[in-house]
């Protein structure tokens, strides 16, 4: 630490001298001739490919189909999924009835007066519906709420349920509970605590829609009304366009959603009771249905090559190429080390996520990179390096480095971060080995220049370009950072990751900052 502070102090002195002679890029020239290494290696780096979060990203309705699929599978399986046309019923077929309508109550077998009968326990899901729909208050249809296990009674039970299947599936499943679940999914991906709806169940109503009233954020969710669904979803969709960081659904999201369904949609009174939830059936089925509800296969798109799987997320980000010295901060450093106002004039403010060094010669290695940051508010972040070795097909990652942006004008004596780029910091748990981070020329013309992003306003990651980027989960517990998809890159490269630490208690906060390079040291030969 003392050594880094020493180098910083020297750097500031250099900058004071350089600023007297430089009107352009802010860098420290190395020694010419036979001696020394370059802090700014002119002729070795053609530029930097930067990935950052835009102010807004057009998502459309990414979770509507997913929610519809999932709710339909859950309610069909736990209510009607086991109804069959039984022509030749026997007493053994009664076991199938135990799998019916476990949303409203839990079917069981009991023994009364030495006779085995079929009955139920009045425990229902949190997201349930009335028990008197279609004037069918109880399929047992007697005062004791139980009927003898005979073939005739089995046919009676199944026939009544088949009359209810279409009504419930068409109305309550997709039109009401799916709307709520879609809203909750947005909240989960945004890192928020899902808003549990107010569910009011009437056991005297005779229709599905009359038997359940669901209110979300003060709005009653009505069945079969797309306008109602959109009105409930419009605000959070707009927020998602501003704060969402990736397109799709991650493994971490799947886990959170499964837990939410088990605790809020179904409820612990069912899930936690081993008499109803035998062998963790509910946990297993919920996870299975989440996987099977993947909406990717239902996308009616002609250009299938540009479809990215819903469960293989990509960043809702932009990329931009900063050529040559354009990613370096400007000069103009005062005697006490403070920055003039023009240090970051040419670098836009954004939530930067990663950047790739683009060498213009093979075999280059770097020992360290010096970064400068400026933000209007204090921001904590975690830095690390991802290195892909194309020869071995191995991705390595360095140890994490915590930083704090002061939230004040740039001060060269405080706001410069030194990152070591040496192999001794690289760890790979599978191989337990170390590697020299030797880079290849970055081929920016790869696949007809798909990665080129020299537009003034940057290039949105979407369509075919989405296949060249992946996400890594943020340490904040939600959100993600955009990084190159190494499986699509045929050369060795180095990527600096900036993981902003976000506060889940302030869900509408933004984290814009400016960053630039002070210098980069090649490894001495």
Protein backbone atom coordinates (compact mmCIF):
# COMPACT_ATOMS: atom_id res chain seq x y z
CA UNK A 1 0.00 0.00 0.00
CA UNK A 2 2.82 2.40 0.85
CA UNK A 3 4.50 1.59 -2.44
CA UNK A 4 1.30 2.38 -4.37
CA UNK A 5 0.93 5.70 -2.55
CA UNK A 6 4.56 6.46 -3.38
CA UNK A 7 3.96 5.81 -7.07
CA UNK A 8 0.82 7.95 -6.94
CA UNK A 9 2.78 10.82 -5.49
CA UNK A 10 5.36 10.47 -8.25
CA UNK A 11 2.55 10.30 -10.81
CA UNK A 12 1.03 13.57 -9.62
CA UNK A 13 4.43 15.25 -9.93
CA UNK A 14 4.74 13.95 -13.47
CA UNK A 15 1.28 15.19 -14.32
CA UNK A 16 2.09 18.68 -13.17
CA UNK A 17 5.07 18.72 -15.51
CA UNK A 18 3.19 17.09 -18.39
CA UNK A 19 0.27 19.49 -18.10
CA UNK A 20 2.61 22.36 -18.86
CA UNK A 21 3.41 20.86 -22.25
CA UNK A 22 0.34 18.82 -23.16
CA UNK A 23 -2.93 20.08 -24.55
CA UNK A 24 -4.33 16.71 -25.48
CA UNK A 25 -4.28 13.32 -23.84
CA UNK A 26 -3.43 12.89 -20.21
CA UNK A 27 -0.61 10.34 -20.04
CA UNK A 28 2.95 9.93 -18.92
CA UNK A 29 5.40 9.31 -21.75
CA UNK A 30 8.02 6.67 -21.14
CA UNK A 31 11.67 6.88 -21.81
CA UNK A 32 12.74 7.01 -25.42
CA UNK A 33 15.58 5.14 -26.97
CA UNK A 34 17.03 2.10 -25.27
CA UNK A 35 15.74 2.50 -21.73
CA UNK A 36 12.55 2.11 -19.77
CA UNK A 37 8.98 0.95 -20.21
CA UNK A 38 6.05 3.03 -21.34
CA UNK A 39 3.25 3.99 -18.98
CA UNK A 40 1.24 4.70 -22.10
CA UNK A 41 2.33 2.07 -24.64
CA UNK A 42 1.89 3.98 -27.87
CA UNK A 43 1.72 1.57 -30.76
CA UNK A 44 0.63 -1.43 -28.66
CA UNK A 45 -3.03 -0.69 -27.85
CA UNK A 46 -5.46 0.36 -30.57
CA UNK A 47 -8.26 1.17 -28.14
CA UNK A 48 -10.70 -0.05 -25.51
CA UNK A 49 -14.09 -1.69 -25.99
CA UNK A 50 -16.33 -0.40 -23.20
CA UNK A 51 -19.61 -1.94 -22.00
CA UNK A 52 -21.97 0.27 -20.03
CA UNK A 53 -25.59 0.54 -18.93
CA UNK A 54 -27.64 3.02 -20.98
CA UNK A 55 -30.19 5.37 -19.46
CA UNK A 56 -32.95 3.12 -20.80
CA UNK A 57 -33.28 -0.16 -22.69
CA UNK A 58 -36.30 -1.34 -24.69
CA UNK A 59 -37.42 -4.65 -23.17
CA UNK A 60 -40.99 -4.96 -24.43
CA UNK A 61 -42.93 -7.46 -22.28
CA UNK A 62 -40.22 -9.96 -21.35
CA UNK A 63 -42.06 -11.83 -18.58
CA UNK A 64 -45.68 -12.00 -19.75
CA UNK A 65 -45.47 -15.31 -21.61
CA UNK A 66 -43.19 -16.77 -18.93
CA UNK A 67 -45.70 -15.94 -16.20
CA UNK A 68 -48.65 -17.30 -18.24
CA UNK A 69 -46.84 -20.57 -18.88
CA UNK A 70 -45.82 -21.02 -15.27
CA UNK A 71 -49.20 -20.28 -13.70
CA UNK A 72 -50.98 -22.56 -16.15
CA UNK A 73 -48.62 -25.43 -15.41
CA UNK A 74 -48.94 -25.00 -11.64
CA UNK A 75 -52.73 -24.83 -11.58
CA UNK A 76 -53.18 -27.55 -14.15
CA UNK A 77 -50.91 -29.97 -12.30
CA UNK A 78 -52.27 -29.34 -8.84
CA UNK A 79 -55.92 -29.13 -9.92
CA UNK A 80 -56.56 -30.94 -13.17
CA UNK A 81 -53.30 -32.39 -14.41
CA UNK A 82 -54.22 -35.93 -13.43
CA UNK A 83 -57.76 -36.15 -14.78
CA UNK A 84 -58.05 -39.00 -17.25
CA UNK A 85 -60.85 -40.65 -19.16
CA UNK A 86 -61.27 -43.81 -17.13
CA UNK A 87 -63.40 -46.36 -18.95
CA UNK A 88 -62.82 -49.32 -16.69
CA UNK A 89 -62.28 -47.92 -13.24
CA UNK A 90 -61.24 -49.97 -10.28
CA UNK A 91 -60.71 -49.19 -6.63
CA UNK A 92 -56.99 -48.75 -7.34
CA UNK A 93 -57.76 -45.71 -9.50
CA UNK A 94 -58.78 -43.78 -6.40
CA UNK A 95 -55.12 -42.89 -5.89
CA UNK A 96 -55.46 -40.58 -8.90
CA UNK A 97 -58.09 -38.53 -7.07
CA UNK A 98 -55.57 -37.73 -4.33
CA UNK A 99 -53.81 -35.60 -6.94
CA UNK A 100 -56.89 -33.45 -7.70
CA UNK A 101 -57.62 -29.91 -6.52
CA UNK A 102 -54.86 -29.52 -3.97
CA UNK A 103 -55.14 -25.75 -4.45
CA UNK A 104 -58.45 -25.49 -2.60
CA UNK A 105 -58.04 -28.37 -0.13
CA UNK A 106 -55.93 -31.44 0.46
CA UNK A 107 -57.54 -34.80 -0.49
CA UNK A 108 -56.96 -37.68 1.93
CA UNK A 109 -58.16 -41.22 2.65
CA UNK A 110 -59.75 -41.87 6.04
CA UNK A 111 -61.34 -44.87 7.76
CA UNK A 112 -64.81 -44.48 9.27
CA UNK A 113 -66.66 -47.36 10.92
CA UNK A 114 -64.21 -49.78 9.37
CA UNK A 115 -64.91 -48.44 5.85
CA UNK A 116 -62.21 -46.71 3.84
CA UNK A 117 -63.48 -43.41 2.55
CA UNK A 118 -62.25 -40.48 0.54
CA UNK A 119 -62.23 -37.05 2.25
CA UNK A 120 -60.29 -33.79 2.37
CA UNK A 121 -58.70 -31.32 4.77
CA UNK A 122 -59.66 -27.64 4.57
CA UNK A 123 -56.16 -26.34 3.85
CA UNK A 124 -55.73 -24.30 0.66
CA UNK A 125 -53.10 -22.31 -1.19
CA UNK A 126 -52.70 -18.61 -0.45
CA UNK A 127 -53.58 -17.97 -4.10
CA UNK A 128 -56.72 -20.10 -4.15
CA UNK A 129 -60.34 -19.72 -5.35
CA UNK A 130 -63.83 -20.43 -4.00
CA UNK A 131 -65.15 -23.86 -3.10
CA UNK A 132 -68.74 -23.38 -4.30
CA UNK A 133 -68.00 -22.60 -7.95
CA UNK A 134 -70.53 -23.93 -10.45
CA UNK A 135 -72.71 -24.82 -7.42
CA UNK A 136 -70.29 -27.60 -6.57
CA UNK A 137 -69.51 -26.83 -2.94
CA UNK A 138 -68.00 -30.24 -2.32
CA UNK A 139 -67.37 -33.04 -4.74
CA UNK A 140 -67.95 -35.37 -1.81
CA UNK A 141 -71.56 -34.11 -1.72
CA UNK A 142 -72.60 -35.30 1.70
CA UNK A 143 -72.80 -33.97 5.23
CA UNK A 144 -69.80 -35.94 6.44
CA UNK A 145 -67.55 -34.60 3.68
CA UNK A 146 -66.48 -38.09 2.77
CA UNK A 147 -67.61 -40.80 0.38
CA UNK A 148 -66.90 -44.48 0.14
CA UNK A 149 -64.21 -45.59 -2.28
CA UNK A 150 -66.30 -47.21 -4.97
CA UNK A 151 -65.97 -47.17 -8.74
CA UNK A 152 -69.27 -45.29 -9.08
CA UNK A 153 -68.13 -42.53 -6.74
CA UNK A 154 -64.81 -42.28 -8.56
CA UNK A 155 -66.60 -41.61 -11.85
CA UNK A 156 -68.79 -39.06 -10.06
CA UNK A 157 -65.83 -37.12 -8.72
CA UNK A 158 -63.93 -37.05 -12.02
CA UNK A 159 -66.97 -36.07 -14.09
CA UNK A 160 -67.63 -33.05 -11.92
CA UNK A 161 -64.05 -31.90 -12.15
CA UNK A 162 -63.98 -32.14 -15.90
CA UNK A 163 -66.82 -29.60 -16.06
CA UNK A 164 -64.71 -27.09 -14.12
CA UNK A 165 -61.39 -27.45 -15.93
CA UNK A 166 -61.98 -25.08 -18.87
CA UNK A 167 -63.64 -22.43 -16.73
CA UNK A 168 -60.82 -22.18 -14.23
CA UNK A 169 -58.00 -22.48 -16.76
CA UNK A 170 -59.34 -19.80 -19.09
CA UNK A 171 -60.38 -17.28 -16.48
CA UNK A 172 -58.54 -17.27 -13.21
CA UNK A 173 -55.19 -18.77 -14.14
CA UNK A 174 -54.01 -16.56 -16.97
CA UNK A 175 -56.06 -13.45 -16.33
CA UNK A 176 -55.63 -12.86 -12.62
CA UNK A 177 -52.83 -14.73 -10.89
CA UNK A 178 -50.53 -14.59 -13.90
CA UNK A 179 -50.81 -10.80 -13.90
CA UNK A 180 -49.72 -10.67 -10.27
CA UNK A 181 -46.90 -13.15 -10.81
CA UNK A 182 -45.60 -11.17 -13.79
CA UNK A 183 -45.43 -8.05 -11.61
CA UNK A 184 -43.62 -10.01 -8.90
CA UNK A 185 -41.10 -11.36 -11.42
CA UNK A 186 -40.17 -7.81 -12.43
CA UNK A 187 -39.58 -7.03 -8.75
CA UNK A 188 -37.44 -10.13 -8.24
CA UNK A 189 -35.17 -9.33 -11.18
CA UNK A 190 -34.88 -5.72 -9.99
CA UNK A 191 -33.75 -6.93 -6.56
CA UNK A 192 -36.87 -5.78 -4.74
CA UNK A 193 -39.08 -7.57 -2.25
CA UNK A 194 -42.11 -8.83 -4.23
CA UNK A 195 -45.41 -7.14 -3.44
CA UNK A 196 -47.77 -9.79 -2.11
CA UNK A 197 -51.32 -9.19 -3.39
CA UNK A 198 -54.42 -9.05 -1.22
CA UNK A 199 -56.36 -12.23 -2.03
CA UNK A 200 -59.99 -12.42 -0.90
CA UNK A 201 -61.77 -15.76 -1.37
CA UNK A 202 -65.56 -16.23 -1.30
CA UNK A 203 -66.86 -19.72 -0.58
CA UNK A 204 -70.43 -18.71 -1.44
CA UNK A 205 -69.88 -17.36 -4.98
CA UNK A 206 -70.88 -19.70 -7.78
CA UNK A 207 -68.43 -18.64 -10.52
CA UNK A 208 -64.66 -18.60 -10.58
CA UNK A 209 -64.35 -14.87 -11.21
CA UNK A 210 -66.85 -14.00 -8.48
CA UNK A 211 -65.16 -16.28 -5.98
CA UNK A 212 -61.79 -14.53 -5.96
CA UNK A 213 -60.83 -10.87 -5.66
CA UNK A 214 -57.17 -10.02 -6.03
CA UNK A 215 -55.85 -6.50 -5.37
CA UNK A 216 -52.32 -5.40 -6.25
CA UNK A 217 -51.08 -1.95 -5.25
CA UNK A 218 -54.66 -0.80 -4.75
CA UNK A 219 -55.79 -2.00 -8.21
CA UNK A 220 -58.25 -4.88 -8.57
CA UNK A 221 -56.97 -7.48 -11.05
CA UNK A 222 -59.81 -8.44 -13.36
CA UNK A 223 -60.05 -11.57 -15.46
CA UNK A 224 -59.81 -11.59 -19.25
CA UNK A 225 -58.86 -7.90 -19.52
CA UNK A 226 -55.54 -7.13 -21.23
CA UNK A 227 -56.01 -3.40 -20.67
CA UNK A 228 -56.23 -4.00 -16.93
CA UNK A 229 -53.06 -6.08 -17.03
CA UNK A 230 -51.17 -3.43 -18.96
CA UNK A 231 -52.34 -0.65 -16.65
CA UNK A 232 -50.99 -2.59 -13.67
CA UNK A 233 -47.73 -3.37 -15.46
CA UNK A 234 -47.01 -0.09 -17.29
CA UNK A 235 -45.21 1.64 -14.43
CA UNK A 236 -42.95 -1.23 -13.46
CA UNK A 237 -42.18 -1.97 -17.12
CA UNK A 238 -41.04 1.63 -17.47
CA UNK A 239 -38.93 1.32 -14.33
CA UNK A 240 -37.46 -1.91 -15.67
CA UNK A 241 -36.39 -0.14 -18.85
CA UNK A 242 -34.38 2.28 -16.67
CA UNK A 243 -33.05 -0.02 -13.97
CA UNK A 244 -33.01 -3.50 -15.53
CA UNK A 245 -29.49 -4.68 -16.33
CA UNK A 246 -30.06 -7.77 -18.46
CA UNK A 247 -32.46 -9.49 -20.84
CA UNK A 248 -33.71 -12.90 -19.73
CA UNK A 249 -33.80 -14.81 -16.47
CA UNK A 250 -30.76 -15.94 -14.50
CA UNK A 251 -30.17 -18.98 -12.28
CA UNK A 252 -30.28 -16.68 -9.27
CA UNK A 253 -33.67 -15.40 -10.43
CA UNK A 254 -34.97 -18.97 -10.77
CA UNK A 255 -34.04 -19.72 -7.18
CA UNK A 256 -35.70 -16.57 -5.88
CA UNK A 257 -38.84 -17.22 -7.92
CA UNK A 258 -39.12 -20.82 -6.72
CA UNK A 259 -38.85 -19.67 -3.11
CA UNK A 260 -41.48 -16.98 -3.70
CA UNK A 261 -43.96 -19.43 -5.21
CA UNK A 262 -43.46 -21.90 -2.38
CA UNK A 263 -43.84 -19.32 0.39
CA UNK A 264 -46.32 -16.82 -1.06
CA UNK A 265 -48.32 -18.47 -3.83
CA UNK A 266 -48.72 -21.84 -2.09
CA UNK A 267 -47.78 -21.14 1.52
CA UNK A 268 -45.97 -22.93 4.29
CA UNK A 269 -49.20 -24.43 5.66
CA UNK A 270 -49.03 -26.74 2.66
CA UNK A 271 -45.35 -26.82 1.73
CA UNK A 272 -44.22 -27.38 5.31
CA UNK A 273 -46.66 -30.22 5.96
CA UNK A 274 -45.13 -33.56 5.00
CA UNK A 275 -48.59 -35.16 4.97
CA UNK A 276 -49.47 -33.00 1.95
CA UNK A 277 -46.02 -32.32 0.51
CA UNK A 278 -44.61 -35.82 0.39
CA UNK A 279 -40.95 -36.21 -0.61
CA UNK A 280 -40.65 -32.47 -1.30
CA UNK A 281 -42.96 -32.82 -4.27
CA UNK A 282 -43.89 -29.14 -4.29
CA UNK A 283 -40.26 -27.98 -4.31
CA UNK A 284 -39.38 -30.35 -7.13
CA UNK A 285 -42.44 -29.58 -9.23
CA UNK A 286 -42.06 -25.81 -8.90
CA UNK A 287 -38.44 -25.93 -10.06
CA UNK A 288 -39.39 -28.27 -12.90
CA UNK A 289 -42.22 -26.01 -14.09
CA UNK A 290 -40.00 -22.91 -13.98
CA UNK A 291 -37.66 -24.67 -16.40
CA UNK A 292 -40.50 -25.87 -18.61
CA UNK A 293 -42.09 -22.41 -18.81
CA UNK A 294 -39.18 -21.06 -20.86
CA UNK A 295 -40.87 -18.78 -23.45
CA UNK A 296 -38.01 -18.91 -25.97
CA UNK A 297 -39.48 -21.84 -27.86
CA UNK A 298 -42.71 -19.91 -28.37
CA UNK A 299 -41.12 -16.90 -30.05
CA UNK A 300 -42.45 -16.70 -33.60
CA UNK A 301 -39.38 -15.18 -35.24
CA UNK A 302 -38.09 -15.95 -38.70
CA UNK A 303 -34.47 -15.21 -37.90
CA UNK A 304 -33.88 -17.95 -35.36
CA UNK A 305 -30.13 -17.31 -35.31
CA UNK A 306 -30.65 -14.10 -33.34
CA UNK A 307 -32.87 -15.61 -30.64
CA UNK A 308 -31.06 -15.84 -27.32
CA UNK A 309 -32.48 -18.36 -24.86
CA UNK A 310 -34.56 -16.77 -22.09
CA UNK A 311 -32.54 -18.65 -19.48
CA UNK A 312 -29.24 -17.54 -21.03
CA UNK A 313 -29.34 -13.82 -20.20
CA UNK A 314 -27.38 -11.12 -21.96
CA UNK A 315 -26.72 -7.55 -20.79
CA UNK A 316 -29.16 -4.73 -21.42
CA UNK A 317 -26.15 -2.61 -22.24
CA UNK A 318 -24.36 -0.61 -24.89
CA UNK A 319 -20.82 -1.00 -26.13
CA UNK A 320 -18.54 1.68 -27.50
CA UNK A 321 -15.04 1.66 -28.93
CA UNK A 322 -12.71 4.31 -27.51
CA UNK A 323 -9.95 4.34 -30.09
CA UNK A 324 -6.28 5.01 -29.32
CA UNK A 325 -6.01 7.62 -26.55
CA UNK A 326 -9.72 8.54 -26.44
CA UNK A 327 -10.24 6.60 -23.20
CA UNK A 328 -7.46 8.50 -21.45
CA UNK A 329 -8.36 11.44 -19.25
CA UNK A 330 -7.23 14.91 -20.24
CA UNK A 331 -4.37 16.90 -18.74
CA UNK A 332 -4.52 20.08 -16.71
CA UNK A 333 -3.44 19.06 -13.22
CA UNK A 334 -2.85 21.75 -10.62
CA UNK A 335 0.17 21.98 -8.36
CA UNK A 336 -1.66 20.34 -5.45
CA UNK A 337 -2.87 17.45 -7.61
CA UNK A 338 -6.41 18.64 -8.24
CA UNK A 339 -7.91 18.12 -11.69
CA UNK A 340 -8.97 20.87 -14.00
CA UNK A 341 -12.59 20.80 -15.15
CA UNK A 342 -11.70 19.23 -18.48
CA UNK A 343 -10.26 15.94 -17.21
CA UNK A 344 -13.30 13.90 -18.26
CA UNK A 345 -14.87 16.22 -20.82
CA UNK A 346 -14.67 13.68 -23.63
CA UNK A 347 -15.90 10.71 -21.53
CA UNK A 348 -19.68 10.47 -20.94
CA UNK A 349 -21.14 9.71 -17.54
CA UNK A 350 -22.64 6.21 -17.32
CA UNK A 351 -22.73 3.07 -15.20
CA UNK A 352 -19.66 1.42 -16.71
CA UNK A 353 -19.62 -2.37 -16.38
CA UNK A 354 -16.50 -3.61 -18.16
CA UNK A 355 -13.95 -2.78 -20.80
CA UNK A 356 -11.61 -4.83 -22.96
CA UNK A 357 -8.07 -3.83 -23.86
CA UNK A 358 -7.61 -4.11 -27.64
CA UNK A 359 -3.91 -4.75 -28.47
CA UNK A 360 -2.68 -4.29 -32.00
CA UNK A 361 0.15 -6.78 -31.67
CA UNK A 362 0.37 -10.39 -30.47
CA UNK A 363 2.14 -11.55 -27.36
CA UNK A 364 1.82 -8.39 -25.30
CA UNK A 365 1.51 -8.60 -21.50
CA UNK A 366 0.69 -5.89 -18.97
CA UNK A 367 1.81 -5.54 -15.37
CA UNK A 368 -0.63 -2.86 -14.20
CA UNK A 369 -3.23 -0.36 -15.31
CA UNK A 370 -3.96 2.97 -13.65
CA UNK A 371 -7.61 4.05 -13.72
CA UNK A 372 -9.24 7.35 -12.81
CA UNK A 373 -12.81 7.77 -11.56
CA UNK A 374 -15.12 10.70 -10.95
CA UNK A 375 -18.70 10.61 -9.66
CA UNK A 376 -21.26 13.09 -8.38
CA UNK A 377 -22.30 10.79 -5.53
CA UNK A 378 -20.21 8.35 -3.46
CA UNK A 379 -20.15 4.97 -5.21
CA UNK A 380 -18.60 1.71 -4.04
CA UNK A 381 -17.48 -0.80 -6.64
CA UNK A 382 -15.56 -4.05 -6.99
CA UNK A 383 -12.89 -4.39 -9.67
CA UNK A 384 -11.48 -7.58 -11.10
CA UNK A 385 -9.89 -8.89 -14.28
CA UNK A 386 -11.20 -11.63 -16.54
CA UNK A 387 -8.61 -13.19 -18.80
CA UNK A 388 -9.44 -15.66 -21.55
CA UNK A 389 -6.70 -17.90 -22.90
CA UNK A 390 -7.82 -18.94 -26.37
CA UNK A 391 -5.10 -21.55 -26.74
CA UNK A 392 -6.31 -23.58 -23.76
CA UNK A 393 -9.95 -22.41 -23.87
CA UNK A 394 -9.74 -21.39 -20.21
CA UNK A 395 -11.24 -18.34 -18.50
CA UNK A 396 -9.42 -16.96 -15.47
CA UNK A 397 -10.40 -14.28 -12.99
CA UNK A 398 -8.25 -12.23 -10.61
CA UNK A 399 -8.91 -11.47 -6.98
CA UNK A 400 -11.43 -8.71 -6.29
CA UNK A 401 -10.38 -5.17 -5.44
CA UNK A 402 -12.76 -2.87 -3.55
CA UNK A 403 -12.79 0.82 -4.41
CA UNK A 404 -14.78 3.90 -3.39
CA UNK A 405 -15.52 6.86 -5.64
CA UNK A 406 -15.57 9.98 -3.54
CA UNK A 407 -18.55 11.73 -5.11
CA UNK A 408 -16.58 14.92 -5.68
CA UNK A 409 -14.47 16.47 -8.46
CA UNK A 410 -11.56 14.32 -9.57
CA UNK A 411 -8.43 14.63 -7.46
CA UNK A 412 -5.39 12.94 -8.98
CA UNK A 413 -3.88 12.33 -5.56
CA UNK A 414 -6.93 10.33 -4.41
CA UNK A 415 -9.00 9.15 -7.35
CA UNK A 416 -6.48 7.05 -9.26
CA UNK A 417 -6.72 3.29 -8.78
CA UNK A 418 -3.80 0.97 -9.48
CA UNK A 419 -4.76 -2.51 -10.68
CA UNK A 420 -2.10 -5.19 -10.84
CA UNK A 421 -2.35 -7.29 -13.99
CA UNK A 422 0.02 -10.09 -13.04
CA UNK A 423 -0.56 -13.82 -13.20
CA UNK A 424 0.19 -14.35 -9.50
CA UNK A 425 -3.24 -12.90 -8.66
CA UNK A 426 -5.10 -15.21 -11.01
CA UNK A 427 -6.82 -18.22 -9.52
CA UNK A 428 -8.68 -21.04 -11.21
CA UNK A 429 -10.28 -23.40 -8.72
CA UNK A 430 -10.70 -26.24 -11.18
CA UNK A 431 -7.14 -26.31 -12.48
CA UNK A 432 -5.44 -24.80 -9.45
CA UNK A 433 -2.81 -23.27 -11.67
CA UNK A 434 -1.44 -19.92 -12.75
CA UNK A 435 -1.07 -18.42 -16.18
CA UNK A 436 0.74 -15.60 -17.93
CA UNK A 437 -1.83 -13.14 -19.27
CA UNK A 438 -0.50 -12.95 -22.78
CA UNK A 439 -2.82 -11.18 -25.21
CA UNK A 440 -3.47 -11.57 -28.92
CA UNK A 441 -4.37 -8.89 -31.40
CA UNK A 442 -8.02 -7.98 -30.82
CA UNK A 443 -9.75 -8.74 -34.10
CA UNK A 444 -12.40 -6.06 -34.27
CA UNK A 445 -13.41 -7.30 -37.73
CA UNK A 446 -14.47 -10.67 -36.29
CA UNK A 447 -17.59 -12.07 -37.98
CA UNK A 448 -18.04 -9.13 -40.35
CA UNK A 449 -17.32 -6.60 -37.61
CA UNK A 450 -20.19 -7.62 -35.32
CA UNK A 451 -18.28 -6.25 -32.29
CA UNK A 452 -17.31 -2.92 -33.85
CA UNK A 453 -18.93 -0.07 -31.96
CA UNK A 454 -17.44 3.21 -33.11
CA UNK A 455 -20.78 5.01 -33.27
CA UNK A 456 -20.93 8.30 -31.40
CA UNK A 457 -23.77 7.14 -29.13
CA UNK A 458 -22.60 3.54 -28.77
CA UNK A 459 -24.18 0.32 -29.99
CA UNK A 460 -27.07 -1.46 -28.25
CA UNK A 461 -26.46 -5.11 -27.38
CA UNK A 462 -29.36 -6.89 -29.07
CA UNK A 463 -30.12 -9.26 -31.95
CA UNK A 464 -27.10 -11.17 -33.20
CA UNK A 465 -24.70 -9.05 -31.12
CA UNK A 466 -26.37 -10.43 -27.96
CA UNK A 467 -24.72 -13.79 -28.67
CA UNK A 468 -21.31 -12.20 -28.13
CA UNK A 469 -22.02 -10.98 -24.60
CA UNK A 470 -22.91 -12.69 -21.33
CA UNK A 471 -23.69 -11.48 -17.83
CA UNK A 472 -22.07 -12.19 -14.51
CA UNK A 473 -24.06 -11.71 -11.32
CA UNK A 474 -23.37 -8.56 -9.34
CA UNK A 475 -22.14 -8.94 -5.78
CA UNK A 476 -25.06 -6.69 -4.77
CA UNK A 477 -27.35 -9.73 -4.76
CA UNK A 478 -29.27 -8.57 -7.84
CA UNK A 479 -28.49 -7.14 -11.23
CA UNK A 480 -25.60 -8.07 -13.48
CA UNK A 481 -22.57 -6.84 -15.42
CA UNK A 482 -22.06 -7.23 -19.15
CA UNK A 483 -18.94 -9.11 -20.26
CA UNK A 484 -17.72 -10.70 -23.48
CA UNK A 485 -18.91 -14.23 -24.23
CA UNK A 486 -15.54 -15.95 -24.37
CA UNK A 487 -17.09 -18.91 -26.20
CA UNK A 488 -17.50 -16.67 -29.24
CA UNK A 489 -13.99 -15.14 -29.15
CA UNK A 490 -11.15 -17.05 -30.91
CA UNK A 491 -8.29 -15.01 -29.45
CA UNK A 492 -6.88 -14.28 -25.99
CA UNK A 493 -8.12 -11.09 -24.35
CA UNK A 494 -8.22 -9.21 -21.04
CA UNK A 495 -11.33 -7.55 -19.60
CA UNK A 496 -11.62 -5.21 -16.60
CA UNK A 497 -14.90 -5.63 -14.68
CA UNK A 498 -16.46 -2.79 -12.67
CA UNK A 499 -19.18 -4.17 -10.39
CA UNK A 500 -21.04 -1.26 -8.79
CA UNK A 501 -22.30 -2.11 -5.30
CA UNK A 502 -25.99 -1.19 -5.33
CA UNK A 503 -28.32 -0.64 -2.39
CA UNK A 504 -31.47 -2.80 -2.61
CA UNK A 505 -33.25 -0.45 -0.17
CA UNK A 506 -33.10 2.34 -2.77
CA UNK A 507 -34.48 0.54 -5.84
CA UNK A 508 -34.73 3.64 -8.02
CA UNK A 509 -31.17 4.82 -7.50
CA UNK A 510 -28.82 5.34 -10.43
CA UNK A 511 -25.05 5.07 -10.33
CA UNK A 512 -23.51 7.20 -13.08
CA UNK A 513 -19.80 7.95 -13.04
CA UNK A 514 -16.94 8.76 -15.34
CA UNK A 515 -13.86 6.65 -15.77
CA UNK A 516 -10.73 6.80 -17.85
CA UNK A 517 -7.22 5.45 -18.13
CA UNK A 518 -4.22 7.24 -16.72
CA UNK A 519 -1.72 4.74 -18.05
CA UNK A 520 -0.97 1.08 -18.64
CA UNK A 521 2.36 -0.67 -18.02
CA UNK A 522 3.60 -3.46 -20.27
CA UNK A 523 5.42 -6.28 -18.54
CA UNK A 524 9.19 -5.82 -18.73
CA UNK A 525 10.88 -8.34 -20.99
